[in-house]
C-alpha atoms as a PDB file:
ATOM      1  CA  MET A   1     -86.780   9.482 107.783  1.00  0.00           C
ATOM      2  CA  GLY A   2     -84.723  11.902 109.854  1.00  0.00           C
ATOM      3  CA  ASP A   3     -81.103  11.840 110.917  1.00  0.00           C
ATOM      4  CA  TYR A   4     -80.616  13.649 114.198  1.00  0.00           C
ATOM      5  CA  ARG A   5     -76.888  13.230 114.740  1.00  0.00           C
ATOM      6  CA  THR A   6     -75.937  14.718 118.094  1.00  0.00           C
ATOM      7  CA  ALA A   7     -72.203  14.053 118.136  1.00  0.00           C
ATOM      8  CA  GLN A   8     -69.910  17.023 118.638  1.00  0.00           C
ATOM      9  CA  GLN A   9     -67.085  17.811 116.229  1.00  0.00           C
ATOM     10  CA  GLY A  10     -64.876  19.347 118.944  1.00  0.00           C
ATOM     11  CA  ARG A  11     -64.095  16.112 120.761  1.00  0.00           C
ATOM     12  CA  THR A  12     -60.605  15.844 122.249  1.00  0.00           C
ATOM     13  CA  SER A  13     -58.176  13.517 120.527  1.00  0.00           C
ATOM     14  CA  GLY A  14     -58.315   9.979 121.840  1.00  0.00           C
ATOM     15  CA  SER A  15     -61.754  10.366 123.434  1.00  0.00           C
ATOM     16  CA  PRO A  16     -63.694   7.103 123.441  1.00  0.00           C
ATOM     17  CA  THR A  17     -66.472   7.112 120.885  1.00  0.00           C
ATOM     18  CA  ILE A  18     -69.456   4.805 121.068  1.00  0.00           C
ATOM     19  CA  ARG A  19     -71.895   4.907 118.160  1.00  0.00           C
ATOM     20  CA  VAL A  20     -75.509   4.398 119.222  1.00  0.00           C
ATOM     21  CA  LEU A  21     -78.410   4.085 116.780  1.00  0.00           C
ATOM     22  CA  VAL A  22     -81.962   4.501 118.093  1.00  0.00           C
ATOM     23  CA  THR A  23     -84.979   4.161 115.818  1.00  0.00           C
ATOM     24  CA  GLY A  24     -88.682   4.793 116.115  1.00  0.00           C
ATOM     25  CA  PHE A  25     -91.478   4.409 113.605  1.00  0.00           C
ATOM     26  CA  GLY A  26     -93.505   7.045 111.780  1.00  0.00           C
ATOM     27  CA  PRO A  27     -97.294   7.411 111.591  1.00  0.00           C
ATOM     28  CA  PHE A  28     -99.443   4.511 110.430  1.00  0.00           C
ATOM     29  CA  GLY A  29    -103.095   3.708 109.869  1.00  0.00           C
ATOM     30  CA  GLU A  30    -105.318   5.949 111.927  1.00  0.00           C
ATOM     31  CA  HIS A  31    -102.374   6.952 114.141  1.00  0.00           C
ATOM     32  CA  SER A  32    -101.071  10.336 112.982  1.00  0.00           C
ATOM     33  CA  VAL A  33     -98.456  10.206 115.743  1.00  0.00           C
ATOM     34  CA  ASN A  34     -96.397   7.125 116.596  1.00  0.00           C
ATOM     35  CA  ALA A  35     -95.484   6.945 120.286  1.00  0.00           C
ATOM     36  CA  SER A  36     -92.204   5.167 119.498  1.00  0.00           C
ATOM     37  CA  TRP A  37     -90.974   8.112 117.406  1.00  0.00           C
ATOM     38  CA  GLU A  38     -92.220  10.668 119.944  1.00  0.00           C
ATOM     39  CA  ALA A  39     -90.162   8.993 122.671  1.00  0.00           C
ATOM     40  CA  VAL A  40     -87.062   8.448 120.530  1.00  0.00           C
ATOM     41  CA  ARG A  41     -86.874  11.915 118.965  1.00  0.00           C
ATOM     42  CA  HIS A  42     -86.470  13.507 122.388  1.00  0.00           C
ATOM     43  CA  LEU A  43     -83.155  11.707 122.882  1.00  0.00           C
ATOM     44  CA  THR A  44     -81.494  14.304 120.667  1.00  0.00           C
ATOM     45  CA  VAL A  45     -81.366  16.738 123.601  1.00  0.00           C
ATOM     46  CA  LEU A  46     -79.086  14.505 125.704  1.00  0.00           C
ATOM     47  CA  ASP A  47     -76.008  16.700 125.795  1.00  0.00           C
ATOM     48  CA  ASP A  48     -74.478  15.034 128.879  1.00  0.00           C
ATOM     49  CA  LEU A  49     -73.038  12.123 126.881  1.00  0.00           C
ATOM     50  CA  LYS A  50     -71.956  13.958 123.734  1.00  0.00           C
ATOM     51  CA  ASP A  51     -68.251  13.591 124.541  1.00  0.00           C
ATOM     52  CA  VAL A  52     -68.418   9.797 124.589  1.00  0.00           C
ATOM     53  CA  VAL A  53     -71.449   8.875 122.490  1.00  0.00           C
ATOM     54  CA  ASP A  54     -72.306   9.519 118.864  1.00  0.00           C
ATOM     55  CA  LEU A  55     -76.092   9.298 118.968  1.00  0.00           C
ATOM     56  CA  PHE A  56     -78.004   8.717 115.735  1.00  0.00           C
ATOM     57  CA  VAL A  57     -81.791   8.929 115.930  1.00  0.00           C
ATOM     58  CA  GLU A  58     -83.814   7.814 112.894  1.00  0.00           C
ATOM     59  CA  GLU A  59     -87.508   7.640 112.078  1.00  0.00           C
ATOM     60  CA  ILE A  60     -88.411   4.579 110.019  1.00  0.00           C
ATOM     61  CA  PRO A  61     -91.499   4.547 107.786  1.00  0.00           C
ATOM     62  CA  VAL A  62     -94.134   1.950 108.673  1.00  0.00           C
ATOM     63  CA  LYS A  63     -93.864   0.020 105.423  1.00  0.00           C
ATOM     64  CA  TYR A  64     -92.840  -3.593 105.911  1.00  0.00           C
ATOM     65  CA  HIS A  65     -91.085  -3.904 102.553  1.00  0.00           C
ATOM     66  CA  GLU A  66     -88.966  -0.799 103.364  1.00  0.00           C
ATOM     67  CA  VAL A  67     -87.964  -1.892 106.874  1.00  0.00           C
ATOM     68  CA  SER A  68     -86.103  -4.910 105.496  1.00  0.00           C
ATOM     69  CA  THR A  69     -83.842  -2.581 103.507  1.00  0.00           C
ATOM     70  CA  VAL A  70     -83.838   0.590 105.643  1.00  0.00           C
ATOM     71  CA  VAL A  71     -82.654  -1.090 108.842  1.00  0.00           C
ATOM     72  CA  PRO A  72     -79.660  -2.909 107.279  1.00  0.00           C
ATOM     73  CA  ASP A  73     -78.756   0.325 105.460  1.00  0.00           C
ATOM     74  CA  LEU A  74     -78.759   2.224 108.774  1.00  0.00           C
ATOM     75  CA  TRP A  75     -76.544  -0.432 110.391  1.00  0.00           C
ATOM     76  CA  LYS A  76     -74.143  -0.159 107.446  1.00  0.00           C
ATOM     77  CA  LYS A  77     -74.215   3.659 107.425  1.00  0.00           C
ATOM     78  CA  TYR A  78     -73.563   4.191 111.150  1.00  0.00           C
ATOM     79  CA  GLN A  79     -71.778   0.941 112.079  1.00  0.00           C
ATOM     80  CA  PRO A  80     -73.183   1.259 115.608  1.00  0.00           C
ATOM     81  CA  HIS A  81     -71.873  -0.406 118.746  1.00  0.00           C
ATOM     82  CA  LEU A  82     -75.382  -0.378 120.236  1.00  0.00           C
ATOM     83  CA  VAL A  83     -78.757  -0.393 118.457  1.00  0.00           C
ATOM     84  CA  ILE A  84     -82.164   0.207 120.009  1.00  0.00           C
ATOM     85  CA  HIS A  85     -85.196  -0.270 117.745  1.00  0.00           C
ATOM     86  CA  CYS A  86     -88.428   0.958 119.373  1.00  0.00           C
ATOM     87  CA  GLY A  87     -91.929   0.298 118.152  1.00  0.00           C
ATOM     88  CA  VAL A  88     -95.569   0.197 119.138  1.00  0.00           C
ATOM     89  CA  SER A  89     -97.753  -2.892 119.049  1.00  0.00           C
ATOM     90  CA  GLY A  90    -101.446  -3.451 119.573  1.00  0.00           C
ATOM     91  CA  LEU A  91    -100.563  -6.448 121.758  1.00  0.00           C
ATOM     92  CA  LEU A  92     -97.974  -4.641 123.852  1.00  0.00           C
ATOM     93  CA  GLN A  93     -98.218  -0.924 124.522  1.00  0.00           C
ATOM     94  CA  ALA A  94     -94.608  -0.370 123.475  1.00  0.00           C
ATOM     95  CA  SER A  95     -91.538  -2.449 122.892  1.00  0.00           C
ATOM     96  CA  CYS A  96     -87.834  -1.871 122.413  1.00  0.00           C
ATOM     97  CA  HIS A  97     -85.313  -4.330 121.054  1.00  0.00           C
ATOM     98  CA  VAL A  98     -81.691  -3.766 121.942  1.00  0.00           C
ATOM     99  CA  GLY A  99     -78.822  -5.220 119.969  1.00  0.00           C
ATOM    100  CA  MET A 100     -75.150  -4.928 120.813  1.00  0.00           C
ATOM    101  CA  LEU A 101     -72.253  -5.611 118.467  1.00  0.00           C
END
């Protein structure tokens, strides 16, 4: 699991800060690369929003028993305003679930 925090420390006082958590899944089965993680990990280069958004990008292991503890722990750790969980399914090519607090 990786934490790719992109927020800048040199923000001006009083700047609005929105915490955004985006997750993708790691490899599984015969898939050595998970498309959800490949898409999500590239978000760390978005410098245009760094003054208003704290972006946290995490890779979640594909282990069902871990997801039920890892995801709530990430929500507690980052206390995000917006959460986007991305994954890959055999039924749907890709899916993202967005949650706002």
